[in-house]
Amino acid sequence: MFVTRRPTALEIQKFIDQSRDLPLSYAPVGIAKESPAGFKLDCLAGIVGRGKDAFDLARRGLTEWRHFDLGWVELYPRAASIEPGTTVAILVRHAGLWSLNGCRVVYSGSEDEVSGFAYGTLTNHAEMGEEIFQVAMAVDSEVVTYKIRAVSKPRAALARIGYPYVRFCQSCFRRDSLAAMRHAVGIR
């Protein structure tokens, strides 16, 4: 949904409520783990710290969606769970417009040195695809990394028409999301 003004809190809540019954805009769940034909694959990984304390902060940052603390991108509800089935709205401010996009957490998991989750786009999202957010700590060096792996393609007419701009925004999101996770762990 594209609008010329920032949606109110009530409008955002109504959007989330309406999104809960919507299906994913793609199939099958798990496509971000592969490189499906017709989708753009984007990956970014960066170091966010070192040691168990940094890993715990990074893991907490993921569960609190701190990687969305970007200023121009906002997550609703702000304290959303990362449990599968959770529906969220992503509010994006860009080029004089606001877009509100529905997503659903489709899987999550945590092991000793790896933690993360993925969400998929709903049919009211400008794009279609899936995005994995993950933090990991290398056993040998204790280097903590944050990784995004996404597959996407435009779904809405405006996203298709403005596809070069959409790709630019996606690149900015990955860059800014890494910076937000570094900030969450304490790297300035």
C-alpha atoms as a PDB file:
ATOM      1  CA  MET A   1       0.000   0.000   0.000  1.00  0.00           C
ATOM      2  CA  PHE A   2       1.487   3.333  -1.107  1.00  0.00           C
ATOM      3  CA  VAL A   3       0.261   6.595   0.448  1.00  0.00           C
ATOM      4  CA  THR A   4       1.347  10.235   0.289  1.00  0.00           C
ATOM      5  CA  ARG A   5       1.306  10.757   4.068  1.00  0.00           C
ATOM      6  CA  ARG A   6       2.463   8.752   7.048  1.00  0.00           C
ATOM      7  CA  PRO A   7      -0.266   6.292   8.128  1.00  0.00           C
ATOM      8  CA  THR A   8      -1.680   6.830  11.614  1.00  0.00           C
ATOM      9  CA  ALA A   9      -1.209   4.252  14.376  1.00  0.00           C
ATOM     10  CA  LEU A  10      -4.858   3.227  13.897  1.00  0.00           C
ATOM     11  CA  GLU A  11      -4.367   2.764  10.136  1.00  0.00           C
ATOM     12  CA  ILE A  12      -1.247   0.675  10.735  1.00  0.00           C
ATOM     13  CA  GLN A  13      -3.067  -1.534  13.256  1.00  0.00           C
ATOM     14  CA  LYS A  14      -5.971  -1.998  10.824  1.00  0.00           C
ATOM     15  CA  PHE A  15      -3.465  -2.962   8.105  1.00  0.00           C
ATOM     16  CA  ILE A  16      -1.884  -5.572  10.415  1.00  0.00           C
ATOM     17  CA  ASP A  17      -5.309  -6.940  11.401  1.00  0.00           C
ATOM     18  CA  GLN A  18      -6.304  -7.289   7.727  1.00  0.00           C
ATOM     19  CA  SER A  19      -2.939  -8.852   6.889  1.00  0.00           C
ATOM     20  CA  ARG A  20      -3.297 -11.748   9.344  1.00  0.00           C
ATOM     21  CA  ASP A  21      -5.619 -13.666   7.014  1.00  0.00           C
ATOM     22  CA  LEU A  22      -3.665 -12.997   3.822  1.00  0.00           C
ATOM     23  CA  PRO A  23      -1.594 -15.706   2.167  1.00  0.00           C
ATOM     24  CA  LEU A  24       2.072 -15.457   1.343  1.00  0.00           C
ATOM     25  CA  SER A  25       2.701 -13.956  -2.104  1.00  0.00           C
ATOM     26  CA  TYR A  26       5.109 -16.740  -3.097  1.00  0.00           C
ATOM     27  CA  ALA A  27       5.702 -20.455  -2.658  1.00  0.00           C
ATOM     28  CA  PRO A  28       7.233 -22.543  -1.272  1.00  0.00           C
ATOM     29  CA  VAL A  29       8.324 -21.398   2.174  1.00  0.00           C
ATOM     30  CA  GLY A  30      12.106 -21.662   2.360  1.00  0.00           C
ATOM     31  CA  ILE A  31      12.942 -20.186  -1.060  1.00  0.00           C
ATOM     32  CA  ALA A  32      15.501 -17.807   0.487  1.00  0.00           C
ATOM     33  CA  LYS A  33      17.642 -20.838   1.343  1.00  0.00           C
ATOM     34  CA  GLU A  34      18.032 -21.415  -2.405  1.00  0.00           C
ATOM     35  CA  SER A  35      18.367 -19.313  -5.555  1.00  0.00           C
ATOM     36  CA  PRO A  36      14.990 -19.715  -7.297  1.00  0.00           C
ATOM     37  CA  ALA A  37      14.613 -18.792 -10.960  1.00  0.00           C
ATOM     38  CA  GLY A  38      13.003 -15.407 -11.557  1.00  0.00           C
ATOM     39  CA  PHE A  39      14.012 -13.990  -8.162  1.00  0.00           C
ATOM     40  CA  LYS A  40      16.918 -11.677  -7.377  1.00  0.00           C
ATOM     41  CA  LEU A  41      19.217 -13.083  -4.697  1.00  0.00           C
ATOM     42  CA  ASP A  42      20.861 -10.635  -2.317  1.00  0.00           C
ATOM     43  CA  CYS A  43      23.270 -11.473   0.494  1.00  0.00           C
ATOM     44  CA  LEU A  44      25.141  -9.340   2.967  1.00  0.00           C
ATOM     45  CA  ALA A  45      27.234 -10.425   5.932  1.00  0.00           C
ATOM     46  CA  GLY A  46      29.348  -8.400   8.292  1.00  0.00           C
ATOM     47  CA  ILE A  47      31.121  -8.646  11.607  1.00  0.00           C
ATOM     48  CA  VAL A  48      29.162  -7.169  14.511  1.00  0.00           C
ATOM     49  CA  GLY A  49      31.392  -8.185  17.416  1.00  0.00           C
ATOM     50  CA  ARG A  50      33.479 -10.861  19.078  1.00  0.00           C
ATOM     51  CA  GLY A  51      32.772 -13.254  21.928  1.00  0.00           C
ATOM     52  CA  LYS A  52      29.793 -14.718  23.731  1.00  0.00           C
ATOM     53  CA  ASP A  53      28.600 -11.384  25.127  1.00  0.00           C
ATOM     54  CA  ALA A  54      28.507  -9.886  21.637  1.00  0.00           C
ATOM     55  CA  PHE A  55      26.700 -12.963  20.333  1.00  0.00           C
ATOM     56  CA  ASP A  56      24.108 -12.720  23.109  1.00  0.00           C
ATOM     57  CA  LEU A  57      23.572  -9.019  22.326  1.00  0.00           C
ATOM     58  CA  ALA A  58      23.257  -9.778  18.606  1.00  0.00           C
ATOM     59  CA  ARG A  59      20.776 -12.582  19.266  1.00  0.00           C
ATOM     60  CA  ARG A  60      18.775 -10.262  21.515  1.00  0.00           C
ATOM     61  CA  GLY A  61      18.963  -7.582  18.826  1.00  0.00           C
ATOM     62  CA  LEU A  62      17.355  -9.981  16.350  1.00  0.00           C
ATOM     63  CA  THR A  63      14.547 -10.969  18.700  1.00  0.00           C
ATOM     64  CA  GLU A  64      13.869  -7.265  19.342  1.00  0.00           C
ATOM     65  CA  TRP A  65      14.020  -6.455  15.595  1.00  0.00           C
ATOM     66  CA  ARG A  66      16.826  -3.938  16.263  1.00  0.00           C
ATOM     67  CA  HIS A  67      18.026  -4.518  12.691  1.00  0.00           C
ATOM     68  CA  PHE A  68      14.970  -2.455  11.673  1.00  0.00           C
ATOM     69  CA  ASP A  69      15.981   0.603  13.756  1.00  0.00           C
ATOM     70  CA  LEU A  70      16.777   2.590  10.641  1.00  0.00           C
ATOM     71  CA  GLY A  71      14.721   5.768  10.810  1.00  0.00           C
ATOM     72  CA  TRP A  72      13.345   5.384   7.292  1.00  0.00           C
ATOM     73  CA  VAL A  73      12.081   1.808   7.882  1.00  0.00           C
ATOM     74  CA  GLU A  74       9.876   0.886  10.850  1.00  0.00           C
ATOM     75  CA  LEU A  75       8.429  -2.382  12.085  1.00  0.00           C
ATOM     76  CA  TYR A  76       4.936  -2.784  13.575  1.00  0.00           C
ATOM     77  CA  PRO A  77       4.052  -3.977  16.090  1.00  0.00           C
ATOM     78  CA  ARG A  78       7.338  -2.824  17.612  1.00  0.00           C
ATOM     79  CA  ALA A  79       7.593  -5.760  20.023  1.00  0.00           C
ATOM     80  CA  ALA A  80       6.599  -8.447  17.509  1.00  0.00           C
ATOM     81  CA  SER A  81       7.570 -12.035  18.219  1.00  0.00           C
ATOM     82  CA  ILE A  82       9.901 -13.863  15.834  1.00  0.00           C
ATOM     83  CA  GLU A  83       7.825 -17.018  16.211  1.00  0.00           C
ATOM     84  CA  PRO A  84       6.476 -18.503  12.966  1.00  0.00           C
ATOM     85  CA  GLY A  85       3.024 -17.173  12.151  1.00  0.00           C
ATOM     86  CA  THR A  86       3.656 -13.661  13.513  1.00  0.00           C
ATOM     87  CA  THR A  87       2.334 -11.006  11.113  1.00  0.00           C
ATOM     88  CA  VAL A  88       4.109  -7.663  10.898  1.00  0.00           C
ATOM     89  CA  ALA A  89       3.872  -4.465   8.896  1.00  0.00           C
ATOM     90  CA  ILE A  90       6.952  -2.793   7.479  1.00  0.00           C
ATOM     91  CA  LEU A  91       6.538   0.963   7.032  1.00  0.00           C
ATOM     92  CA  VAL A  92       8.988   2.534   4.580  1.00  0.00           C
ATOM     93  CA  ARG A  93       9.462   6.223   3.812  1.00  0.00           C
ATOM     94  CA  HIS A  94      10.904   6.810   0.353  1.00  0.00           C
ATOM     95  CA  ALA A  95      10.795   9.361  -2.463  1.00  0.00           C
ATOM     96  CA  GLY A  96       7.986  11.388  -0.921  1.00  0.00           C
ATOM     97  CA  LEU A  97       5.780   8.344  -0.399  1.00  0.00           C
ATOM     98  CA  TRP A  98       5.119   5.905   2.397  1.00  0.00           C
ATOM     99  CA  SER A  99       4.583   2.220   1.772  1.00  0.00           C
ATOM    100  CA  LEU A 100       3.085  -0.253   4.181  1.00  0.00           C
ATOM    101  CA  ASN A 101       3.989  -3.887   3.491  1.00  0.00           C
ATOM    102  CA  GLY A 102       2.737  -7.063   5.151  1.00  0.00           C
ATOM    103  CA  CYS A 103       5.073  -9.917   6.129  1.00  0.00           C
ATOM    104  CA  ARG A 104       4.798 -13.092   8.181  1.00  0.00           C
ATOM    105  CA  VAL A 105       7.529 -14.891  10.102  1.00  0.00           C
ATOM    106  CA  VAL A 106       7.796 -18.252   8.344  1.00  0.00           C
ATOM    107  CA  TYR A 107      10.533 -19.998  10.309  1.00  0.00           C
ATOM    108  CA  SER A 108      12.966 -19.384  13.140  1.00  0.00           C
ATOM    109  CA  GLY A 109      15.626 -21.320  14.921  1.00  0.00           C
ATOM    110  CA  SER A 110      18.473 -21.161  17.342  1.00  0.00           C
ATOM    111  CA  GLU A 111      21.405 -23.430  18.011  1.00  0.00           C
ATOM    112  CA  ASP A 112      24.503 -22.910  20.124  1.00  0.00           C
ATOM    113  CA  GLU A 113      26.309 -20.603  17.675  1.00  0.00           C
ATOM    114  CA  VAL A 114      23.557 -19.650  15.185  1.00  0.00           C
ATOM    115  CA  SER A 115      20.258 -17.854  15.672  1.00  0.00           C
ATOM    116  CA  GLY A 116      17.794 -16.341  13.244  1.00  0.00           C
ATOM    117  CA  PHE A 117      14.469 -16.218  11.501  1.00  0.00           C
ATOM    118  CA  ALA A 118      12.896 -15.514   8.136  1.00  0.00           C
ATOM    119  CA  TYR A 119       9.837 -13.666   7.036  1.00  0.00           C
ATOM    120  CA  GLY A 120       7.896 -13.911   3.827  1.00  0.00           C
ATOM    121  CA  THR A 121       5.915 -11.295   1.974  1.00  0.00           C
ATOM    122  CA  LEU A 122       2.126 -11.286   2.005  1.00  0.00           C
ATOM    123  CA  THR A 123      -0.089 -10.404  -0.943  1.00  0.00           C
ATOM    124  CA  ASN A 124      -0.297  -6.770   0.246  1.00  0.00           C
ATOM    125  CA  HIS A 125       3.490  -6.281  -0.031  1.00  0.00           C
ATOM    126  CA  ALA A 126       5.020  -4.353  -2.959  1.00  0.00           C
ATOM    127  CA  GLU A 127       7.536  -7.169  -3.458  1.00  0.00           C
ATOM    128  CA  MET A 128       7.306 -10.931  -3.289  1.00  0.00           C
ATOM    129  CA  GLY A 129       9.908 -13.071  -1.616  1.00  0.00           C
ATOM    130  CA  GLU A 130      11.548 -14.136   1.591  1.00  0.00           C
ATOM    131  CA  GLU A 131      14.313 -12.740   3.803  1.00  0.00           C
ATOM    132  CA  ILE A 132      16.506 -14.527   6.333  1.00  0.00           C
ATOM    133  CA  PHE A 133      18.099 -12.626   9.235  1.00  0.00           C
ATOM    134  CA  GLN A 134      20.783 -14.536  11.122  1.00  0.00           C
ATOM    135  CA  VAL A 135      23.555 -14.034  13.652  1.00  0.00           C
ATOM    136  CA  ALA A 136      26.332 -16.548  14.166  1.00  0.00           C
ATOM    137  CA  MET A 137      29.481 -16.934  16.220  1.00  0.00           C
ATOM    138  CA  ALA A 138      32.477 -18.774  14.777  1.00  0.00           C
ATOM    139  CA  VAL A 139      33.573 -21.468  17.225  1.00  0.00           C
ATOM    140  CA  ASP A 140      37.298 -20.982  16.661  1.00  0.00           C
ATOM    141  CA  SER A 141      37.618 -17.184  16.528  1.00  0.00           C
ATOM    142  CA  GLU A 142      34.402 -16.162  18.352  1.00  0.00           C
ATOM    143  CA  VAL A 143      33.775 -13.596  15.594  1.00  0.00           C
ATOM    144  CA  VAL A 144      30.075 -12.688  15.547  1.00  0.00           C
ATOM    145  CA  THR A 145      28.487 -12.006  12.183  1.00  0.00           C
ATOM    146  CA  TYR A 146      25.105 -10.736  11.042  1.00  0.00           C
ATOM    147  CA  LYS A 147      23.804 -12.036   7.748  1.00  0.00           C
ATOM    148  CA  ILE A 148      20.871 -11.191   5.500  1.00  0.00           C
ATOM    149  CA  ARG A 149      19.891 -13.466   2.627  1.00  0.00           C
ATOM    150  CA  ALA A 150      16.909 -12.424   0.536  1.00  0.00           C
ATOM    151  CA  VAL A 151      15.152 -13.430  -2.647  1.00  0.00           C
ATOM    152  CA  SER A 152      12.680 -11.032  -4.193  1.00  0.00           C
ATOM    153  CA  LYS A 153      10.939  -9.750  -7.262  1.00  0.00           C
ATOM    154  CA  PRO A 154       8.488  -6.888  -7.762  1.00  0.00           C
ATOM    155  CA  ARG A 155       4.780  -7.615  -7.300  1.00  0.00           C
ATOM    156  CA  ALA A 156       2.982  -4.239  -7.228  1.00  0.00           C
ATOM    157  CA  ALA A 157       2.803  -2.080 -10.349  1.00  0.00           C
ATOM    158  CA  LEU A 158       4.741   0.780  -8.711  1.00  0.00           C
ATOM    159  CA  ALA A 159       7.484  -1.643  -7.666  1.00  0.00           C
ATOM    160  CA  ARG A 160       7.769  -2.911 -11.255  1.00  0.00           C
ATOM    161  CA  ILE A 161       7.774   0.599 -12.741  1.00  0.00           C
ATOM    162  CA  GLY A 162      10.338   1.871 -10.236  1.00  0.00           C
ATOM    163  CA  TYR A 163      12.387  -1.330 -10.076  1.00  0.00           C
ATOM    164  CA  PRO A 164      15.844   0.349 -10.215  1.00  0.00           C
ATOM    165  CA  TYR A 165      14.802   2.522  -7.271  1.00  0.00           C
ATOM    166  CA  VAL A 166      13.418  -0.533  -5.429  1.00  0.00           C
ATOM    167  CA  ARG A 167      16.765  -2.293  -5.874  1.00  0.00           C
ATOM    168  CA  PHE A 168      18.561   0.806  -4.549  1.00  0.00           C
ATOM    169  CA  CYS A 169      16.292   0.846  -1.452  1.00  0.00           C
ATOM    170  CA  GLN A 170      16.886  -2.861  -0.865  1.00  0.00           C
ATOM    171  CA  SER A 171      20.645  -2.272  -0.977  1.00  0.00           C
ATOM    172  CA  CYS A 172      20.313   0.650   1.458  1.00  0.00           C
ATOM    173  CA  PHE A 173      18.220  -1.516   3.784  1.00  0.00           C
ATOM    174  CA  ARG A 174      20.893  -4.226   3.932  1.00  0.00           C
ATOM    175  CA  ARG A 175      23.654  -1.670   4.579  1.00  0.00           C
ATOM    176  CA  ASP A 176      21.662   0.207   7.221  1.00  0.00           C
ATOM    177  CA  SER A 177      20.447  -3.010   8.851  1.00  0.00           C
ATOM    178  CA  LEU A 178      24.053  -4.152   9.346  1.00  0.00           C
ATOM    179  CA  ALA A 179      24.893  -0.764  10.878  1.00  0.00           C
ATOM    180  CA  ALA A 180      21.867  -1.072  13.206  1.00  0.00           C
ATOM    181  CA  MET A 181      23.006  -4.509  14.370  1.00  0.00           C
ATOM    182  CA  ARG A 182      26.522  -3.194  14.990  1.00  0.00           C
ATOM    183  CA  HIS A 183      24.964  -0.434  17.071  1.00  0.00           C
ATOM    184  CA  ALA A 184      22.824  -2.990  18.966  1.00  0.00           C
ATOM    185  CA  VAL A 185      25.972  -4.919  19.905  1.00  0.00           C
ATOM    186  CA  GLY A 186      27.858  -1.768  20.853  1.00  0.00           C
ATOM    187  CA  ILE A 187      30.074  -1.151  17.825  1.00  0.00           C
ATOM    188  CA  ARG A 188      29.883   2.514  16.814  1.00  0.00           C
END
